[in-house]
N, C-alpha and C. Protein backbone atom coordinates (compact mmCIF):
# COMPACT_ATOMS: atom_id res chain seq x y z
N MET A 1 15.19 16.70 -5.77
CA MET A 1 13.34 16.88 -5.03
C MET A 1 14.15 16.52 -3.64
N LYS A 2 13.87 17.61 -2.91
CA LYS A 2 13.97 17.26 -1.36
C LYS A 2 13.28 17.67 -0.37
N MET A 3 12.39 16.74 0.53
CA MET A 3 11.85 17.10 1.53
C MET A 3 12.04 18.21 2.03
N THR A 4 10.76 19.64 1.82
CA THR A 4 10.99 20.56 2.53
C THR A 4 10.66 20.92 3.90
N ASP A 5 11.50 21.59 4.17
CA ASP A 5 11.68 22.12 6.18
C ASP A 5 11.11 22.90 6.23
N ASN A 6 9.67 23.18 5.27
CA ASN A 6 9.17 23.87 5.64
C ASN A 6 7.55 22.87 5.84
N ALA A 7 7.08 23.00 6.84
CA ALA A 7 6.35 22.66 7.46
C ALA A 7 5.05 22.65 6.48
N GLU A 8 4.74 23.28 6.28
CA GLU A 8 3.16 23.83 5.67
C GLU A 8 3.06 22.83 4.41
N LYS A 9 4.15 23.16 3.30
CA LYS A 9 4.39 22.83 1.87
C LYS A 9 4.89 21.11 2.17
N ARG A 10 4.92 20.48 3.67
CA ARG A 10 5.53 19.01 3.56
C ARG A 10 4.71 18.35 4.05
N LYS A 11 3.50 19.09 4.49
CA LYS A 11 2.11 18.09 5.12
C LYS A 11 1.41 18.16 4.02
N ALA A 12 1.08 19.25 2.37
CA ALA A 12 1.03 19.29 1.37
C ALA A 12 0.89 18.33 0.84
N LEU A 13 1.70 17.36 1.23
CA LEU A 13 2.16 16.80 0.22
C LEU A 13 1.99 14.89 0.23
N PRO A 14 0.88 14.16 -0.42
CA PRO A 14 0.19 13.60 -0.11
C PRO A 14 1.04 12.35 -0.30
N ILE A 15 1.53 11.67 0.46
CA ILE A 15 2.34 11.47 0.17
C ILE A 15 1.91 9.71 0.60
N PHE A 16 1.14 9.43 1.59
CA PHE A 16 0.27 8.80 2.37
C PHE A 16 -0.74 8.71 1.24
N SER A 17 -1.63 9.31 1.86
CA SER A 17 -3.08 9.83 0.86
C SER A 17 -3.24 10.07 -0.76
N GLY A 18 -2.16 10.23 -0.74
CA GLY A 18 -1.72 10.15 -2.49
C GLY A 18 -2.17 9.11 -3.39
N VAL A 19 -0.25 7.88 -2.95
CA VAL A 19 0.03 7.30 -2.62
C VAL A 19 -0.03 5.56 -2.67
N LEU A 20 0.37 5.93 -1.44
CA LEU A 20 0.13 4.41 -0.84
C LEU A 20 -1.39 4.35 -0.34
N LYS A 21 -2.01 4.96 0.14
CA LYS A 21 -3.43 4.86 0.34
C LYS A 21 -3.64 3.86 -1.26
N TYR A 22 -3.78 5.04 -1.76
CA TYR A 22 -4.49 4.54 -3.84
C TYR A 22 -4.04 2.80 -4.16
N PHE A 23 -3.10 2.88 -3.44
CA PHE A 23 -2.23 1.18 -3.88
C PHE A 23 -2.03 0.58 -2.99
N PRO A 24 -2.44 0.23 -1.92
CA PRO A 24 -1.82 -0.16 -1.45
C PRO A 24 -1.22 -2.38 -1.45
N LEU A 25 -2.09 -2.82 -2.45
CA LEU A 25 -1.58 -4.13 -2.98
C LEU A 25 -1.05 -4.31 -3.99
N ALA A 26 -1.07 -3.12 -4.46
CA ALA A 26 1.08 -2.71 -5.77
C ALA A 26 1.00 -2.61 -4.47
N ILE A 27 1.71 -2.03 -4.29
CA ILE A 27 2.79 -1.44 -2.30
C ILE A 27 3.41 -2.97 -2.45
N ILE A 28 2.47 -3.93 -1.60
CA ILE A 28 2.53 -4.71 -0.93
C ILE A 28 3.47 -5.33 -2.41
N ALA A 29 3.12 -6.01 -3.67
CA ALA A 29 3.65 -6.60 -4.34
C ALA A 29 4.70 -5.99 -5.14
N VAL A 30 4.85 -4.99 -4.81
CA VAL A 30 5.99 -4.97 -5.08
C VAL A 30 7.68 -4.30 -4.09
N ALA A 31 6.92 -4.24 -2.72
CA ALA A 31 7.97 -5.23 -1.78
C ALA A 31 7.86 -6.91 -1.43
N GLU A 32 7.50 -7.29 -2.16
CA GLU A 32 7.53 -8.62 -2.20
C GLU A 32 8.70 -8.95 -3.53
N ALA A 33 7.96 -8.16 -4.48
CA ALA A 33 9.35 -8.40 -5.65
C ALA A 33 11.52 -7.61 -5.44
N SER A 34 10.75 -6.95 -4.26
CA SER A 34 11.78 -6.20 -3.77
C SER A 34 12.48 -7.04 -2.87
N GLN A 35 11.94 -7.52 -2.09
CA GLN A 35 12.25 -9.00 -1.21
C GLN A 35 12.78 -10.08 -2.48
N GLN A 36 11.97 -10.81 -3.12
CA GLN A 36 12.23 -11.54 -4.19
C GLN A 36 13.98 -10.86 -5.00
N GLY A 37 14.20 -9.90 -5.16
CA GLY A 37 15.13 -9.96 -5.49
C GLY A 37 16.35 -9.84 -5.21
N ASN A 38 16.56 -9.07 -3.73
CA ASN A 38 17.61 -9.66 -2.53
C ASN A 38 18.27 -10.61 -2.96
N GLU A 39 16.91 -11.76 -2.47
CA GLU A 39 17.22 -13.46 -2.17
C GLU A 39 16.93 -13.71 -3.76
N GLN A 40 17.67 -13.19 -4.51
CA GLN A 40 18.14 -14.19 -5.61
C GLN A 40 19.11 -13.34 -5.82
N HIS A 41 19.68 -11.78 -6.13
CA HIS A 41 21.15 -11.57 -5.77
C HIS A 41 22.29 -12.00 -4.87
N ASN A 42 21.29 -11.23 -4.05
CA ASN A 42 21.59 -11.70 -2.88
C ASN A 42 21.73 -12.10 -1.70
N PRO A 43 21.33 -13.17 -2.10
CA PRO A 43 21.14 -14.68 -1.25
C PRO A 43 22.07 -13.91 0.58
N SER A 44 20.64 -14.38 1.25
CA SER A 44 21.09 -14.47 2.77
C SER A 44 21.41 -13.19 3.59
N LYS A 45 21.98 -11.89 2.37
CA LYS A 45 22.09 -10.98 2.95
C LYS A 45 20.50 -9.89 3.79
N PRO A 46 21.17 -8.87 4.19
CA PRO A 46 20.20 -8.05 4.08
C PRO A 46 19.92 -7.10 3.19
N LEU A 47 18.32 -6.72 3.24
CA LEU A 47 18.06 -5.99 1.89
C LEU A 47 18.25 -4.84 1.70
N HIS A 48 18.84 -4.99 0.67
CA HIS A 48 19.53 -3.68 -0.13
C HIS A 48 19.57 -3.76 -1.62
N TRP A 49 19.04 -2.55 -1.98
CA TRP A 49 20.16 -2.15 -3.15
C TRP A 49 20.53 -2.45 -3.95
N ASP A 50 21.54 -3.59 -4.59
CA ASP A 50 22.41 -3.63 -4.60
C ASP A 50 23.32 -3.01 -6.44
N ARG A 51 23.21 -1.77 -6.45
CA ARG A 51 23.83 -1.53 -7.84
C ARG A 51 23.99 -1.49 -8.45
N SER A 52 25.53 -2.44 -8.04
CA SER A 52 25.95 -3.09 -8.99
C SER A 52 25.74 -3.77 -10.33
N LYS A 53 24.09 -4.60 -9.68
CA LYS A 53 23.72 -5.58 -10.03
C LYS A 53 22.41 -5.03 -10.80
N SER A 54 22.15 -4.14 -10.81
CA SER A 54 20.96 -2.95 -11.19
C SER A 54 20.87 -2.58 -12.28
N GLY A 55 21.58 -2.11 -13.51
CA GLY A 55 22.04 -1.09 -14.19
C GLY A 55 21.64 -0.89 -16.17
N ASP A 56 20.32 -1.26 -15.46
CA ASP A 56 19.67 -1.95 -16.98
C ASP A 56 18.22 -1.83 -16.92
N GLU A 57 17.54 -0.84 -16.06
CA GLU A 57 16.57 -1.01 -15.95
C GLU A 57 15.36 -1.21 -16.87
N LEU A 58 15.55 0.13 -18.11
CA LEU A 58 14.51 0.33 -19.07
C LEU A 58 14.36 -1.36 -19.36
N ASP A 59 16.12 -1.76 -19.54
CA ASP A 59 15.34 -3.20 -20.60
C ASP A 59 14.49 -3.98 -19.90
N ALA A 60 15.67 -4.04 -18.69
CA ALA A 60 14.48 -4.93 -17.74
C ALA A 60 12.89 -4.62 -17.63
N LEU A 61 13.07 -2.85 -17.36
CA LEU A 61 10.97 -2.82 -17.65
C LEU A 61 10.31 -3.83 -18.42
N ALA A 62 10.71 -3.70 -19.70
CA ALA A 62 10.59 -3.58 -20.76
C ALA A 62 9.87 -5.40 -21.30
N ARG A 63 11.32 -5.64 -20.93
CA ARG A 63 11.28 -7.68 -21.12
C ARG A 63 10.43 -8.03 -19.93
N HIS A 64 9.87 -7.06 -18.88
CA HIS A 64 8.58 -7.50 -17.95
C HIS A 64 7.02 -6.93 -18.05
N LEU A 65 7.17 -6.08 -18.47
CA LEU A 65 6.43 -5.44 -19.23
C LEU A 65 6.15 -6.39 -20.47
N MET A 66 6.57 -7.24 -21.63
CA MET A 66 6.41 -8.20 -22.17
C MET A 66 5.34 -9.36 -21.56
N GLU A 67 5.46 -8.82 -20.07
CA GLU A 67 4.78 -10.46 -19.79
C GLU A 67 3.90 -10.08 -19.10
N ALA A 68 4.20 -8.43 -18.55
CA ALA A 68 2.60 -8.09 -17.97
C ALA A 68 1.10 -9.12 -18.11
N GLY A 69 1.03 -8.87 -16.57
CA GLY A 69 -0.61 -10.00 -16.41
C GLY A 69 -0.30 -11.44 -16.52
N THR A 70 0.73 -11.83 -16.55
CA THR A 70 1.28 -13.08 -15.94
C THR A 70 2.68 -13.30 -14.45
N VAL A 71 2.61 -14.17 -14.19
CA VAL A 71 3.52 -14.55 -12.80
C VAL A 71 5.10 -15.38 -13.51
N ASP A 72 5.90 -14.26 -12.85
CA ASP A 72 7.16 -14.83 -13.17
C ASP A 72 7.45 -16.30 -12.85
N THR A 73 8.41 -17.34 -12.80
CA THR A 73 9.02 -17.95 -12.28
C THR A 73 9.36 -18.35 -11.13
N ASP A 74 9.33 -17.25 -10.62
CA ASP A 74 9.70 -17.22 -8.71
C ASP A 74 8.50 -16.23 -7.98
N GLY A 75 7.18 -16.33 -9.23
CA GLY A 75 6.18 -16.45 -8.40
C GLY A 75 5.67 -15.05 -7.80
N ILE A 76 6.91 -13.87 -8.55
CA ILE A 76 6.59 -13.06 -8.54
C ILE A 76 5.82 -12.12 -10.05
N ARG A 77 4.47 -11.59 -9.53
CA ARG A 77 4.06 -10.64 -10.85
C ARG A 77 5.06 -9.96 -11.44
N HIS A 78 4.81 -10.24 -12.79
CA HIS A 78 5.60 -9.01 -14.06
C HIS A 78 5.64 -7.81 -13.54
N SER A 79 4.30 -7.52 -13.38
CA SER A 79 4.24 -6.07 -12.96
C SER A 79 4.27 -5.59 -11.96
N ALA A 80 4.37 -6.15 -11.09
CA ALA A 80 5.10 -6.06 -10.06
C ALA A 80 6.40 -5.73 -9.79
N LYS A 81 7.68 -6.26 -11.23
CA LYS A 81 9.02 -6.36 -11.12
C LYS A 81 8.50 -5.02 -12.57
N VAL A 82 7.60 -4.96 -13.17
CA VAL A 82 7.36 -3.40 -14.30
C VAL A 82 7.25 -2.23 -13.35
N ALA A 83 6.50 -2.03 -12.34
CA ALA A 83 6.95 -1.19 -11.24
C ALA A 83 8.36 -0.88 -10.51
N TRP A 84 8.28 -1.99 -9.82
CA TRP A 84 10.04 -1.89 -9.14
C TRP A 84 10.71 -1.72 -10.13
N ARG A 85 11.53 -1.58 -11.41
CA ARG A 85 12.18 -1.15 -11.81
C ARG A 85 11.59 0.49 -12.36
N ALA A 86 10.61 0.38 -12.54
CA ALA A 86 10.05 1.62 -12.20
C ALA A 86 10.69 3.19 -11.79
N LEU A 87 10.31 2.45 -10.89
CA LEU A 87 11.12 3.36 -9.72
C LEU A 87 12.50 3.66 -9.13
N ALA A 88 13.12 2.32 -9.91
CA ALA A 88 14.66 2.62 -9.72
C ALA A 88 15.19 3.36 -10.54
N ASN A 89 14.19 3.90 -11.91
CA ASN A 89 14.93 4.13 -12.97
C ASN A 89 14.32 5.17 -12.89
N LEU A 90 13.18 5.85 -12.45
CA LEU A 90 12.89 7.39 -12.19
C LEU A 90 13.89 7.75 -10.41
N GLN A 91 14.36 6.59 -9.57
CA GLN A 91 15.29 7.07 -9.07
C GLN A 91 16.41 8.34 -8.99
N LYS A 92 16.92 6.73 -9.84
CA LYS A 92 17.90 7.32 -10.59
C LYS A 92 18.20 8.46 -11.36
N GLU A 93 17.50 8.67 -12.25
CA GLU A 93 17.46 9.75 -13.21
C GLU A 93 17.06 11.42 -12.04
N LEU A 94 16.63 11.17 -10.85
CA LEU A 94 16.43 12.21 -9.88
C LEU A 94 18.16 12.37 -9.57
N GLU A 95 18.04 11.22 -9.01
CA GLU A 95 19.69 11.57 -8.11
C GLU A 95 20.74 12.40 -9.36
N GLN A 96 20.57 11.87 -10.25
CA GLN A 96 21.17 12.37 -11.83
C GLN A 96 20.90 13.21 -11.73
N ALA A 97 20.18 14.00 -11.73
CA ALA A 97 19.56 15.70 -11.75
C ALA A 97 19.65 16.35 -10.33
N GLY A 98 20.63 15.53 -9.54
CA GLY A 98 20.97 16.73 -8.72
C GLY A 98 20.41 16.55 -7.18
N GLU A 99 18.92 16.12 -7.62
CA GLU A 99 17.89 16.03 -6.67
C GLU A 99 18.58 14.53 -5.30
N GLN A 100 17.74 15.04 -3.83
CA GLN A 100 17.89 14.34 -2.61
C GLN A 100 16.65 14.63 -2.00
N VAL A 101 17.12 13.47 -1.37
CA VAL A 101 15.50 13.45 -0.01
C VAL A 101 16.03 14.01 1.18
N ALA A 102 15.37 13.79 1.84
CA ALA A 102 15.11 14.61 3.65
C ALA A 102 16.55 14.18 3.75
N ASN A 103 17.46 15.32 4.36
CA ASN A 103 18.64 15.14 4.96
C ASN A 103 19.36 14.20 4.05
N ASP A 104 19.23 14.61 3.00
CA ASP A 104 20.89 13.44 2.09
C ASP A 104 20.55 12.42 2.06
N ILE A 105 19.21 11.42 2.00
CA ILE A 105 19.68 10.10 2.66
C ILE A 105 19.91 9.87 0.73
N LYS A 106 20.35 9.58 0.50
CA LYS A 106 20.32 8.56 -0.35
C LYS A 106 21.07 6.96 -0.88
N ARG A 107 20.76 6.04 -1.88
CA ARG A 107 20.77 5.35 -2.17
C ARG A 107 20.63 4.32 -1.21
N GLY A 108 19.38 4.08 -0.22
CA GLY A 108 18.76 3.14 0.85
C GLY A 108 19.43 3.08 1.61
N ALA A 109 20.23 4.42 2.30
CA ALA A 109 21.41 4.98 3.43
C ALA A 109 20.14 4.66 4.29
């Protein structure tokens, strides 16, 4: 899934108005979960997705889903962790299917 070079098609893709604007609080919560996860698994290192420590997205998603509606011991909502894991799983699925993002930027580069 590469961002198209066609300006008309690119402008028709509602990244802001169809996702970010719909879910601003959820996006903030997922960003907080990402930051907390980085501190947990990569203390004092710049924010990055260490995929070597993130290989069980669906199992982790299910564990957090069982606790949905509550807050984890680190102060992050389990539902935010579910969303992060769902995005991580989707990203990996799309990559495995050969999908790419704009300018072939992959894996947080």
